[in-house]
Amino acid sequence: MHARLAEAMDFVEDKRRDLLASVEGVPAEDLTRHSAGDAWSVAEILDHLRMVESGVARIITKRVKQAKDAGIAEENSTESVIPSFEPYRLKLESVKITSPEAVRPKPNADPTETLEGLAVTRQALREAASSADGVALGEIKHTHAILGELDLYQWLIFLGQHEVRHRKQIERTLKSLPR
């Protein structure tokens, strides 16, 4: 795998390991409990992450195919892609975001199903990344509803940062559950 794509995928994989570690050993009944009012349960947060990852995998697959059909150049740079997301990371951390309807979890999501779904969508993302190997992903853009225009490397980094954001939400939710 090209160094830039490998760097982005390593970032995403690392953030997924952290996410899964945050729910490891948590009883299923705690994963389905709500901490307050209309707040999502941990299972619902995981379901949201599943939907977002599925969408990102589809975006990458579609946009890479279009770019290949148009004769996009091969990736020649080995410069790190992680710093390119820094302004967006700061925005993600500083604003309250309401999820678009398309990625809102179903109420009372089943924790086992959501974790299995995350494994499926991760495999789809890996396949999308594999199809993109060697392609100049920094040249392929797609608009994010909140962050604006991102290149496909930034979409991968977004996915990891999105899981960081929700891992923190999961940890807060679990700490606030009545005992």
Protein backbone atom coordinates (compact mmCIF):
# COMPACT_ATOMS: atom_id res chain seq x y z
CA MET A 1 0.00 0.00 0.00
CA HIS A 2 1.25 3.48 -0.85
CA ALA A 3 2.79 5.27 2.16
CA ARG A 4 0.18 8.06 2.30
CA LEU A 5 -2.76 5.68 2.15
CA ALA A 6 -1.10 3.35 4.66
CA GLU A 7 -0.61 6.29 7.04
CA ALA A 8 -4.29 7.26 6.81
CA MET A 9 -5.48 3.68 7.22
CA ASP A 10 -3.14 3.07 10.17
CA PHE A 11 -4.67 6.16 11.81
CA VAL A 12 -8.20 4.87 11.21
CA GLU A 13 -7.34 1.38 12.48
CA ASP A 14 -5.68 2.80 15.60
CA LYS A 15 -8.75 4.89 16.42
CA ARG A 16 -11.00 1.84 15.94
CA ARG A 17 -8.92 -0.18 18.40
CA ASP A 18 -9.33 2.65 20.94
CA LEU A 19 -13.07 2.78 20.30
CA LEU A 20 -13.54 -0.95 20.77
CA ALA A 21 -11.40 -0.92 23.91
CA SER A 22 -13.77 1.68 25.39
CA VAL A 23 -16.69 -0.79 25.24
CA GLU A 24 -14.80 -4.01 25.87
CA GLY A 25 -16.23 -5.85 28.86
CA VAL A 26 -19.15 -3.44 29.28
CA PRO A 27 -22.34 -5.41 29.94
CA ALA A 28 -24.79 -5.36 27.02
CA GLU A 29 -27.50 -3.85 29.22
CA ASP A 30 -25.25 -0.84 29.93
CA LEU A 31 -24.63 -0.40 26.21
CA THR A 32 -28.37 0.03 25.64
CA ARG A 33 -29.08 2.38 28.55
CA HIS A 34 -29.61 6.10 28.08
CA SER A 35 -27.83 8.49 30.38
CA ALA A 36 -30.24 11.39 29.98
CA GLY A 37 -33.29 12.53 28.02
CA ASP A 38 -32.69 12.26 24.31
CA ALA A 39 -29.00 11.30 24.55
CA TRP A 40 -27.97 8.28 22.54
CA SER A 41 -27.12 5.01 24.23
CA VAL A 42 -23.66 3.54 23.56
CA ALA A 43 -25.22 1.04 21.16
CA GLU A 44 -26.88 3.90 19.28
CA ILE A 45 -23.56 5.75 19.09
CA LEU A 46 -21.96 2.62 17.66
CA ASP A 47 -24.81 2.29 15.16
CA HIS A 48 -24.22 5.90 14.08
CA LEU A 49 -20.51 5.16 13.60
CA ARG A 50 -21.43 2.11 11.50
CA MET A 51 -23.62 4.20 9.22
CA VAL A 52 -21.00 6.92 8.81
CA GLU A 53 -18.25 4.43 8.01
CA SER A 54 -20.46 2.68 5.47
CA GLY A 55 -21.08 6.01 3.78
CA VAL A 56 -17.38 6.93 3.71
CA ALA A 57 -16.50 3.55 2.18
CA ARG A 58 -19.11 4.13 -0.53
CA ILE A 59 -17.83 7.66 -1.20
CA ILE A 60 -14.25 6.45 -1.57
CA THR A 61 -15.24 3.55 -3.83
CA LYS A 62 -17.39 5.75 -6.06
CA ARG A 63 -15.02 8.73 -6.28
CA VAL A 64 -11.94 6.54 -6.92
CA LYS A 65 -13.73 4.71 -9.73
CA GLN A 66 -14.76 8.03 -11.29
CA ALA A 67 -11.19 9.34 -10.96
CA LYS A 68 -9.69 6.20 -12.49
CA ASP A 69 -12.16 6.38 -15.37
CA ALA A 70 -11.09 10.01 -15.89
CA GLY A 71 -7.41 9.00 -15.90
CA ILE A 72 -6.28 10.50 -12.59
CA ALA A 73 -2.54 10.48 -11.97
CA GLU A 74 -0.74 8.11 -9.64
CA GLU A 75 0.26 9.26 -6.17
CA ASN A 76 3.84 10.59 -6.23
CA SER A 77 4.02 12.36 -2.88
CA THR A 78 5.15 10.71 0.33
CA GLU A 79 4.36 13.75 2.48
CA SER A 80 2.32 13.01 5.61
CA VAL A 81 -1.44 13.46 5.16
CA ILE A 82 -2.37 13.69 8.85
CA PRO A 83 -1.49 17.41 9.31
CA SER A 84 -3.83 18.38 6.45
CA PHE A 85 -6.80 17.56 8.68
CA GLU A 86 -5.75 19.72 11.64
CA PRO A 87 -8.07 22.70 10.93
CA TYR A 88 -11.00 20.33 10.54
CA ARG A 89 -10.09 18.43 13.73
CA LEU A 90 -10.22 21.67 15.68
CA LYS A 91 -13.64 22.43 14.22
CA LEU A 92 -14.93 18.94 15.05
CA GLU A 93 -13.79 19.35 18.65
CA SER A 94 -15.20 22.82 19.16
CA VAL A 95 -18.74 22.68 17.78
CA LYS A 96 -21.90 20.85 18.69
CA ILE A 97 -23.01 18.88 15.67
CA THR A 98 -26.45 17.49 15.03
CA SER A 99 -26.20 14.37 12.91
CA PRO A 100 -28.00 14.44 9.59
CA GLU A 101 -31.08 12.24 9.46
CA ALA A 102 -29.34 9.73 7.17
CA VAL A 103 -26.85 8.78 9.90
CA ARG A 104 -29.06 8.92 12.97
CA PRO A 105 -29.16 5.56 14.73
CA LYS A 106 -32.24 3.48 15.04
CA PRO A 107 -33.72 3.70 18.55
CA ASN A 108 -32.80 0.85 20.87
CA ALA A 109 -29.96 -0.39 18.66
CA ASP A 110 -28.77 -3.88 19.53
CA PRO A 111 -25.14 -3.80 20.78
CA THR A 112 -24.21 -7.14 19.23
CA GLU A 113 -25.62 -6.12 15.86
CA THR A 114 -23.89 -2.74 15.94
CA LEU A 115 -20.51 -4.26 16.79
CA GLU A 116 -20.93 -6.86 14.03
CA GLY A 117 -21.98 -4.05 11.69
CA LEU A 118 -18.84 -2.10 12.53
CA ALA A 119 -16.75 -5.13 11.54
CA VAL A 120 -18.60 -5.34 8.21
CA THR A 121 -18.22 -1.64 7.44
CA ARG A 122 -14.55 -1.74 8.39
CA GLN A 123 -14.01 -4.51 5.87
CA ALA A 124 -15.82 -2.41 3.24
CA LEU A 125 -13.54 0.52 4.09
CA ARG A 126 -10.45 -1.67 3.74
CA GLU A 127 -11.67 -2.84 0.34
CA ALA A 128 -12.32 0.77 -0.72
CA ALA A 129 -8.81 1.73 0.41
CA SER A 130 -7.34 -1.21 -1.45
CA SER A 131 -9.06 -0.08 -4.64
CA ALA A 132 -7.56 3.38 -4.09
CA ASP A 133 -3.97 2.22 -3.62
CA GLY A 134 -1.58 4.28 -5.70
CA VAL A 135 -4.21 6.86 -6.69
CA ALA A 136 -3.56 10.54 -5.90
CA LEU A 137 -6.34 10.76 -3.32
CA GLY A 138 -5.38 14.32 -2.43
CA GLU A 139 -6.68 15.31 -5.85
CA ILE A 140 -10.11 13.72 -5.36
CA LYS A 141 -12.57 15.90 -3.46
CA HIS A 142 -15.97 15.28 -1.92
CA THR A 143 -17.99 17.72 0.18
CA HIS A 144 -18.72 16.94 3.82
CA ALA A 145 -22.01 18.38 5.10
CA ILE A 146 -20.33 20.25 7.98
CA LEU A 147 -16.62 20.47 7.19
CA GLY A 148 -16.92 21.38 3.52
CA GLU A 149 -14.67 20.08 0.77
CA LEU A 150 -12.31 17.29 1.84
CA ASP A 151 -9.96 15.20 -0.22
CA LEU A 152 -10.18 11.44 0.16
CA TYR A 153 -7.20 11.24 2.54
CA GLN A 154 -9.00 13.78 4.71
CA TRP A 155 -12.16 11.68 4.56
CA LEU A 156 -10.22 8.76 6.01
CA ILE A 157 -8.72 10.94 8.72
CA PHE A 158 -12.19 12.36 9.40
CA LEU A 159 -13.42 8.83 10.02
CA GLY A 160 -10.74 8.29 12.68
CA GLN A 161 -11.37 11.70 14.28
CA HIS A 162 -15.10 11.05 14.23
CA GLU A 163 -14.51 7.86 16.21
CA VAL A 164 -12.32 9.80 18.67
CA ARG A 165 -15.15 12.27 19.18
CA HIS A 166 -17.69 9.53 19.79
CA ARG A 167 -15.33 7.43 21.93
CA LYS A 168 -15.23 10.40 24.31
CA GLN A 169 -19.04 10.55 24.18
CA ILE A 170 -19.20 6.82 24.95
CA GLU A 171 -16.90 7.25 27.94
CA ARG A 172 -19.00 10.16 29.25
CA THR A 173 -22.20 8.18 28.73
CA LEU A 174 -20.91 5.12 30.57
CA LYS A 175 -19.67 7.26 33.50
CA SER A 176 -23.02 9.01 33.82
CA LEU A 177 -25.22 5.90 33.89
CA PRO A 178 -27.07 5.56 37.18
CA ARG A 179 -25.77 2.63 39.19
